[in-house]
Amino acid sequence: MKNLLSLINMKSLITLAMTAALIAQLFLPVNPNPEAQSLFCTAYGAIIAYFFTKRSTASSGEQTGQSKEKQEDNVA
């Protein structure tokens, strides 16, 4: 039960909702506006990339033992 509750966070809810919407858009017999569909797919890709690269970047800094300030100084 604890594992199930740990899966339910905002990132997971947004990811699941947008994935379900994308699948519905692609496979249901409806014709959405092509521009709207293109915009949705672009937003979907951007949000998914942000969520998963943000997590990887944060965990890599923690593994090296750098503080958040030092990581920001290295980027700048």
PDB file of N, CA and C in Angstrom:
ATOM      1  N   MET A   1       0.820  -1.194   0.000  1.00  0.00           N
ATOM      2  CA  MET A   1       0.000   0.000   0.000  1.00  0.00           C
ATOM      3  C   MET A   1       0.867   1.262   0.000  1.00  0.00           C
ATOM      4  N   LYS A   2       1.971   1.218   0.759  1.00  0.00           N
ATOM      5  CA  LYS A   2       2.859   2.377   0.818  1.00  0.00           C
ATOM      6  C   LYS A   2       3.489   2.649  -0.546  1.00  0.00           C
ATOM      7  N   ASN A   3       3.828   1.587  -1.277  1.00  0.00           N
ATOM      8  CA  ASN A   3       4.397   1.756  -2.613  1.00  0.00           C
ATOM      9  C   ASN A   3       3.400   2.405  -3.563  1.00  0.00           C
ATOM     10  N   LEU A   4       2.143   2.032  -3.438  1.00  0.00           N
ATOM     11  CA  LEU A   4       1.106   2.618  -4.288  1.00  0.00           C
ATOM     12  C   LEU A   4       0.945   4.098  -3.992  1.00  0.00           C
ATOM     13  N   LEU A   5       0.956   4.468  -2.728  1.00  0.00           N
ATOM     14  CA  LEU A   5       0.817   5.871  -2.355  1.00  0.00           C
ATOM     15  C   LEU A   5       2.023   6.692  -2.785  1.00  0.00           C
ATOM     16  N   SER A   6       3.196   6.080  -2.803  1.00  0.00           N
ATOM     17  CA  SER A   6       4.382   6.820  -3.227  1.00  0.00           C
ATOM     18  C   SER A   6       4.358   7.102  -4.732  1.00  0.00           C
ATOM     19  N   LEU A   7       3.615   6.316  -5.486  1.00  0.00           N
ATOM     20  CA  LEU A   7       3.501   6.549  -6.926  1.00  0.00           C
ATOM     21  C   LEU A   7       2.580   7.714  -7.253  1.00  0.00           C
ATOM     22  N   ILE A   8       1.691   8.032  -6.323  1.00  0.00           N
ATOM     23  CA  ILE A   8       0.709   9.075  -6.588  1.00  0.00           C
ATOM     24  C   ILE A   8       1.275  10.405  -6.126  1.00  0.00           C
ATOM     25  N   ASN A   9       1.850  11.127  -7.060  1.00  0.00           N
ATOM     26  CA  ASN A   9       2.293  12.490  -6.816  1.00  0.00           C
ATOM     27  C   ASN A   9       1.942  13.307  -8.050  1.00  0.00           C
ATOM     28  N   MET A  10       2.173  14.582  -8.006  1.00  0.00           N
ATOM     29  CA  MET A  10       1.739  15.445  -9.100  1.00  0.00           C
ATOM     30  C   MET A  10       2.400  15.066 -10.421  1.00  0.00           C
ATOM     31  N   LYS A  11       3.681  14.739 -10.377  1.00  0.00           N
ATOM     32  CA  LYS A  11       4.390  14.365 -11.599  1.00  0.00           C
ATOM     33  C   LYS A  11       3.760  13.133 -12.237  1.00  0.00           C
ATOM     34  N   SER A  12       3.446  12.139 -11.422  1.00  0.00           N
ATOM     35  CA  SER A  12       2.850  10.912 -11.945  1.00  0.00           C
ATOM     36  C   SER A  12       1.457  11.150 -12.484  1.00  0.00           C
ATOM     37  N   LEU A  13       0.672  11.957 -11.775  1.00  0.00           N
ATOM     38  CA  LEU A  13      -0.693  12.234 -12.230  1.00  0.00           C
ATOM     39  C   LEU A  13      -0.698  12.970 -13.565  1.00  0.00           C
ATOM     40  N   ILE A  14       0.160  13.961 -13.706  1.00  0.00           N
ATOM     41  CA  ILE A  14       0.234  14.701 -14.965  1.00  0.00           C
ATOM     42  C   ILE A  14       0.711  13.791 -16.095  1.00  0.00           C
ATOM     43  N   THR A  15       1.722  12.988 -15.819  1.00  0.00           N
ATOM     44  CA  THR A  15       2.247  12.076 -16.830  1.00  0.00           C
ATOM     45  C   THR A  15       1.186  11.081 -17.286  1.00  0.00           C
ATOM     46  N   LEU A  16       0.487  10.470 -16.346  1.00  0.00           N
ATOM     47  CA  LEU A  16      -0.550   9.498 -16.700  1.00  0.00           C
ATOM     48  C   LEU A  16      -1.717  10.147 -17.436  1.00  0.00           C
ATOM     49  N   ALA A  17      -2.151  11.318 -16.980  1.00  0.00           N
ATOM     50  CA  ALA A  17      -3.272  12.003 -17.628  1.00  0.00           C
ATOM     51  C   ALA A  17      -2.918  12.418 -19.054  1.00  0.00           C
ATOM     52  N   MET A  18      -1.728  12.969 -19.240  1.00  0.00           N
ATOM     53  CA  MET A  18      -1.344  13.399 -20.589  1.00  0.00           C
ATOM     54  C   MET A  18      -1.098  12.205 -21.507  1.00  0.00           C
ATOM     55  N   THR A  19      -0.564  11.117 -20.972  1.00  0.00           N
ATOM     56  CA  THR A  19      -0.370   9.913 -21.783  1.00  0.00           C
ATOM     57  C   THR A  19      -1.718   9.339 -22.214  1.00  0.00           C
ATOM     58  N   ALA A  20      -2.665   9.290 -21.297  1.00  0.00           N
ATOM     59  CA  ALA A  20      -4.006   8.792 -21.645  1.00  0.00           C
ATOM     60  C   ALA A  20      -4.658   9.690 -22.689  1.00  0.00           C
ATOM     61  N   ALA A  21      -4.511  11.002 -22.550  1.00  0.00           N
ATOM     62  CA  ALA A  21      -5.086  11.930 -23.525  1.00  0.00           C
ATOM     63  C   ALA A  21      -4.437  11.766 -24.897  1.00  0.00           C
ATOM     64  N   LEU A  22      -3.133  11.564 -24.919  1.00  0.00           N
ATOM     65  CA  LEU A  22      -2.439  11.377 -26.193  1.00  0.00           C
ATOM     66  C   LEU A  22      -2.881  10.087 -26.874  1.00  0.00           C
ATOM     67  N   ILE A  23      -2.986   9.017 -26.110  1.00  0.00           N
ATOM     68  CA  ILE A  23      -3.441   7.740 -26.675  1.00  0.00           C
ATOM     69  C   ILE A  23      -4.867   7.872 -27.192  1.00  0.00           C
ATOM     70  N   ALA A  24      -5.706   8.546 -26.433  1.00  0.00           N
ATOM     71  CA  ALA A  24      -7.090   8.746 -26.869  1.00  0.00           C
ATOM     72  C   ALA A  24      -7.143   9.557 -28.157  1.00  0.00           C
ATOM     73  N   GLN A  25      -6.329  10.591 -28.233  1.00  0.00           N
ATOM     74  CA  GLN A  25      -6.292  11.419 -29.441  1.00  0.00           C
ATOM     75  C   GLN A  25      -5.851  10.625 -30.655  1.00  0.00           C
ATOM     76  N   LEU A  26      -4.907   9.747 -30.463  1.00  0.00           N
ATOM     77  CA  LEU A  26      -4.350   9.016 -31.598  1.00  0.00           C
ATOM     78  C   LEU A  26      -5.216   7.854 -32.059  1.00  0.00           C
ATOM     79  N   PHE A  27      -5.934   7.213 -31.118  1.00  0.00           N
ATOM     80  CA  PHE A  27      -6.621   5.978 -31.484  1.00  0.00           C
ATOM     81  C   PHE A  27      -8.141   6.060 -31.519  1.00  0.00           C
ATOM     82  N   LEU A  28      -8.740   7.100 -30.968  1.00  0.00           N
ATOM     83  CA  LEU A  28     -10.193   7.225 -31.042  1.00  0.00           C
ATOM     84  C   LEU A  28     -10.580   7.790 -32.406  1.00  0.00           C
ATOM     85  N   PRO A  29     -11.753   7.417 -32.893  1.00  0.00           N
ATOM     86  CA  PRO A  29     -12.165   7.881 -34.230  1.00  0.00           C
ATOM     87  C   PRO A  29     -12.690   9.329 -34.205  1.00  0.00           C
ATOM     88  N   VAL A  30     -11.830  10.258 -33.832  1.00  0.00           N
ATOM     89  CA  VAL A  30     -12.163  11.683 -33.865  1.00  0.00           C
ATOM     90  C   VAL A  30     -11.104  12.399 -34.677  1.00  0.00           C
ATOM     91  N   ASN A  31     -11.465  13.524 -35.236  1.00  0.00           N
ATOM     92  CA  ASN A  31     -10.513  14.320 -36.001  1.00  0.00           C
ATOM     93  C   ASN A  31     -10.281  15.648 -35.298  1.00  0.00           C
ATOM     94  N   PRO A  32      -9.304  15.709 -34.397  1.00  0.00           N
ATOM     95  CA  PRO A  32      -9.030  16.989 -33.754  1.00  0.00           C
ATOM     96  C   PRO A  32      -8.362  17.940 -34.747  1.00  0.00           C
ATOM     97  N   ASN A  33      -8.406  19.212 -34.437  1.00  0.00           N
ATOM     98  CA  ASN A  33      -7.729  20.204 -35.251  1.00  0.00           C
ATOM     99  C   ASN A  33      -6.237  19.836 -35.324  1.00  0.00           C
ATOM    100  N   PRO A  34      -5.664  19.745 -36.517  1.00  0.00           N
ATOM    101  CA  PRO A  34      -4.248  19.349 -36.636  1.00  0.00           C
ATOM    102  C   PRO A  34      -3.298  20.276 -35.877  1.00  0.00           C
ATOM    103  N   GLU A  35      -3.607  21.568 -35.845  1.00  0.00           N
ATOM    104  CA  GLU A  35      -2.747  22.489 -35.114  1.00  0.00           C
ATOM    105  C   GLU A  35      -2.824  22.230 -33.611  1.00  0.00           C
ATOM    106  N   ALA A  36      -4.014  21.937 -33.108  1.00  0.00           N
ATOM    107  CA  ALA A  36      -4.184  21.645 -31.687  1.00  0.00           C
ATOM    108  C   ALA A  36      -3.487  20.338 -31.323  1.00  0.00           C
ATOM    109  N   GLN A  37      -3.587  19.351 -32.201  1.00  0.00           N
ATOM    110  CA  GLN A  37      -2.929  18.081 -31.948  1.00  0.00           C
ATOM    111  C   GLN A  37      -1.408  18.246 -31.949  1.00  0.00           C
ATOM    112  N   SER A  38      -0.897  19.035 -32.868  1.00  0.00           N
ATOM    113  CA  SER A  38       0.540  19.294 -32.918  1.00  0.00           C
ATOM    114  C   SER A  38       1.003  20.027 -31.661  1.00  0.00           C
ATOM    115  N   LEU A  39       0.227  21.002 -31.217  1.00  0.00           N
ATOM    116  CA  LEU A  39       0.567  21.743 -30.003  1.00  0.00           C
ATOM    117  C   LEU A  39       0.540  20.833 -28.779  1.00  0.00           C
ATOM    118  N   PHE A  40      -0.449  19.950 -28.695  1.00  0.00           N
ATOM    119  CA  PHE A  40      -0.538  19.025 -27.573  1.00  0.00           C
ATOM    120  C   PHE A  40       0.651  18.075 -27.554  1.00  0.00           C
ATOM    121  N   CYS A  41       1.012  17.538 -28.709  1.00  0.00           N
ATOM    122  CA  CYS A  41       2.152  16.608 -28.777  1.00  0.00           C
ATOM    123  C   CYS A  41       3.454  17.309 -28.392  1.00  0.00           C
ATOM    124  N   THR A  42       3.609  18.560 -28.803  1.00  0.00           N
ATOM    125  CA  THR A  42       4.798  19.321 -28.436  1.00  0.00           C
ATOM    126  C   THR A  42       4.840  19.566 -26.928  1.00  0.00           C
ATOM    127  N   ALA A  43       3.707  19.954 -26.360  1.00  0.00           N
ATOM    128  CA  ALA A  43       3.638  20.187 -24.915  1.00  0.00           C
ATOM    129  C   ALA A  43       3.883  18.890 -24.155  1.00  0.00           C
ATOM    130  N   TYR A  44       3.323  17.797 -24.635  1.00  0.00           N
ATOM    131  CA  TYR A  44       3.523  16.491 -24.003  1.00  0.00           C
ATOM    132  C   TYR A  44       5.012  16.140 -23.967  1.00  0.00           C
ATOM    133  N   GLY A  45       5.672  16.286 -25.084  1.00  0.00           N
ATOM    134  CA  GLY A  45       7.100  15.984 -25.143  1.00  0.00           C
ATOM    135  C   GLY A  45       7.922  16.880 -24.234  1.00  0.00           C
ATOM    136  N   ALA A  46       7.584  18.160 -24.182  1.00  0.00           N
ATOM    137  CA  ALA A  46       8.323  19.088 -23.337  1.00  0.00           C
ATOM    138  C   ALA A  46       8.132  18.765 -21.862  1.00  0.00           C
ATOM    139  N   ILE A  47       6.912  18.466 -21.464  1.00  0.00           N
ATOM    140  CA  ILE A  47       6.635  18.172 -20.054  1.00  0.00           C
ATOM    141  C   ILE A  47       7.294  16.871 -19.631  1.00  0.00           C
ATOM    142  N   ILE A  48       7.195  15.849 -20.450  1.00  0.00           N
ATOM    143  CA  ILE A  48       7.823  14.571 -20.130  1.00  0.00           C
ATOM    144  C   ILE A  48       9.341  14.734 -20.047  1.00  0.00           C
ATOM    145  N   ALA A  49       9.929  15.443 -20.991  1.00  0.00           N
ATOM    146  CA  ALA A  49      11.376  15.661 -20.969  1.00  0.00           C
ATOM    147  C   ALA A  49      11.787  16.446 -19.733  1.00  0.00           C
ATOM    148  N   TYR A  50      11.017  17.456 -19.361  1.00  0.00           N
ATOM    149  CA  TYR A  50      11.348  18.257 -18.178  1.00  0.00           C
ATOM    150  C   TYR A  50      11.305  17.407 -16.915  1.00  0.00           C
ATOM    151  N   PHE A  51      10.238  16.641 -16.755  1.00  0.00           N
ATOM    152  CA  PHE A  51      10.099  15.841 -15.538  1.00  0.00           C
ATOM    153  C   PHE A  51      11.234  14.837 -15.394  1.00  0.00           C
ATOM    154  N   PHE A  52      11.551  14.130 -16.456  1.00  0.00           N
ATOM    155  CA  PHE A  52      12.521  13.049 -16.331  1.00  0.00           C
ATOM    156  C   PHE A  52      13.962  13.522 -16.379  1.00  0.00           C
ATOM    157  N   THR A  53      14.267  14.614 -17.063  1.00  0.00           N
ATOM    158  CA  THR A  53      15.636  15.118 -17.032  1.00  0.00           C
ATOM    159  C   THR A  53      15.897  15.879 -15.746  1.00  0.00           C
ATOM    160  N   LYS A  54      14.900  16.524 -15.182  1.00  0.00           N
ATOM    161  CA  LYS A  54      15.067  17.231 -13.914  1.00  0.00           C
ATOM    162  C   LYS A  54      15.431  16.246 -12.810  1.00  0.00           C
ATOM    163  N   ARG A  55      14.795  15.123 -12.776  1.00  0.00           N
ATOM    164  CA  ARG A  55      15.072  14.114 -11.754  1.00  0.00           C
ATOM    165  C   ARG A  55      16.482  13.559 -11.923  1.00  0.00           C
ATOM    166  N   SER A  56      16.890  13.284 -13.137  1.00  0.00           N
ATOM    167  CA  SER A  56      18.221  12.747 -13.391  1.00  0.00           C
ATOM    168  C   SER A  56      19.296  13.747 -13.003  1.00  0.00           C
ATOM    169  N   THR A  57      19.094  15.008 -13.307  1.00  0.00           N
ATOM    170  CA  THR A  57      20.062  16.037 -12.986  1.00  0.00           C
ATOM    171  C   THR A  57      20.190  16.206 -11.480  1.00  0.00           C
ATOM    172  N   ALA A  58      19.076  16.204 -10.775  1.00  0.00           N
ATOM    173  CA  ALA A  58      19.110  16.376  -9.320  1.00  0.00           C
ATOM    174  C   ALA A  58      19.814  15.196  -8.657  1.00  0.00           C
ATOM    175  N   SER A  59      19.544  14.004  -9.111  1.00  0.00           N
ATOM    176  CA  SER A  59      20.156  12.844  -8.475  1.00  0.00           C
ATOM    177  C   SER A  59      21.644  12.748  -8.805  1.00  0.00           C
ATOM    178  N   SER A  60      22.074  13.214  -9.969  1.00  0.00           N
ATOM    179  CA  SER A  60      23.495  13.152 -10.306  1.00  0.00           C
ATOM    180  C   SER A  60      24.297  14.114  -9.448  1.00  0.00           C
ATOM    181  N   GLY A  61      23.729  15.282  -9.104  1.00  0.00           N
ATOM    182  CA  GLY A  61      24.421  16.220  -8.235  1.00  0.00           C
ATOM    183  C   GLY A  61      24.541  15.690  -6.823  1.00  0.00           C
ATOM    184  N   GLU A  62      23.533  14.982  -6.360  1.00  0.00           N
ATOM    185  CA  GLU A  62      23.577  14.418  -5.023  1.00  0.00           C
ATOM    186  C   GLU A  62      24.614  13.308  -4.932  1.00  0.00           C
ATOM    187  N   GLN A  63      24.798  12.562  -6.014  1.00  0.00           N
ATOM    188  CA  GLN A  63      25.752  11.466  -5.996  1.00  0.00           C
ATOM    189  C   GLN A  63      27.187  11.982  -5.904  1.00  0.00           C
ATOM    190  N   THR A  64      27.447  13.143  -6.511  1.00  0.00           N
ATOM    191  CA  THR A  64      28.801  13.680  -6.473  1.00  0.00           C
ATOM    192  C   THR A  64      29.073  14.438  -5.190  1.00  0.00           C
ATOM    193  N   GLY A  65      28.050  14.681  -4.390  1.00  0.00           N
ATOM    194  CA  GLY A  65      28.218  15.357  -3.118  1.00  0.00           C
ATOM    195  C   GLY A  65      28.225  16.863  -3.230  1.00  0.00           C
ATOM    196  N   GLN A  66      27.881  17.418  -4.378  1.00  0.00           N
ATOM    197  CA  GLN A  66      27.853  18.855  -4.542  1.00  0.00           C
ATOM    198  C   GLN A  66      26.571  19.429  -3.959  1.00  0.00           C
ATOM    199  N   SER A  67      26.704  20.619  -3.394  1.00  0.00           N
ATOM    200  CA  SER A  67      25.513  21.303  -2.916  1.00  0.00           C
ATOM    201  C   SER A  67      24.827  21.982  -4.087  1.00  0.00           C
ATOM    202  N   LYS A  68      23.598  22.436  -3.857  1.00  0.00           N
ATOM    203  CA  LYS A  68      22.828  23.078  -4.915  1.00  0.00           C
ATOM    204  C   LYS A  68      23.517  24.359  -5.382  1.00  0.00           C
ATOM    205  N   GLU A  69      24.103  25.114  -4.451  1.00  0.00           N
ATOM    206  CA  GLU A  69      24.782  26.359  -4.820  1.00  0.00           C
ATOM    207  C   GLU A  69      25.985  26.081  -5.716  1.00  0.00           C
ATOM    208  N   LYS A  70      26.749  25.037  -5.404  1.00  0.00           N
ATOM    209  CA  LYS A  70      27.922  24.702  -6.201  1.00  0.00           C
ATOM    210  C   LYS A  70      27.511  24.243  -7.606  1.00  0.00           C
ATOM    211  N   GLN A  71      26.391  23.519  -7.689  1.00  0.00           N
ATOM    212  CA  GLN A  71      25.921  23.074  -8.993  1.00  0.00           C
ATOM    213  C   GLN A  71      25.534  24.276  -9.840  1.00  0.00           C
ATOM    214  N   GLU A  72      24.872  25.278  -9.231  1.00  0.00           N
ATOM    215  CA  GLU A  72      24.474  26.456  -9.967  1.00  0.00           C
ATOM    216  C   GLU A  72      25.703  27.267 -10.387  1.00  0.00           C
ATOM    217  N   ASP A  73      26.737  27.331  -9.547  1.00  0.00           N
ATOM    218  CA  ASP A  73      27.957  28.037  -9.906  1.00  0.00           C
ATOM    219  C   ASP A  73      28.655  27.363 -11.076  1.00  0.00           C
ATOM    220  N   ASN A  74      28.606  26.033 -11.122  1.00  0.00           N
ATOM    221  CA  ASN A  74      29.235  25.297 -12.227  1.00  0.00           C
ATOM    222  C   ASN A  74      28.517  25.553 -13.536  1.00  0.00           C
ATOM    223  N   VAL A  75      27.196  25.742 -13.483  1.00  0.00           N
ATOM    224  CA  VAL A  75      26.419  25.977 -14.699  1.00  0.00           C
ATOM    225  C   VAL A  75      26.677  27.377 -15.212  1.00  0.00           C
ATOM    226  N   ALA A  76      26.773  28.347 -14.324  1.00  0.00           N
ATOM    227  CA  ALA A  76      26.934  29.756 -14.712  1.00  0.00           C
ATOM    228  C   ALA A  76      28.291  30.088 -15.223  1.00  0.00           C
TER     229      ALA A  76
END
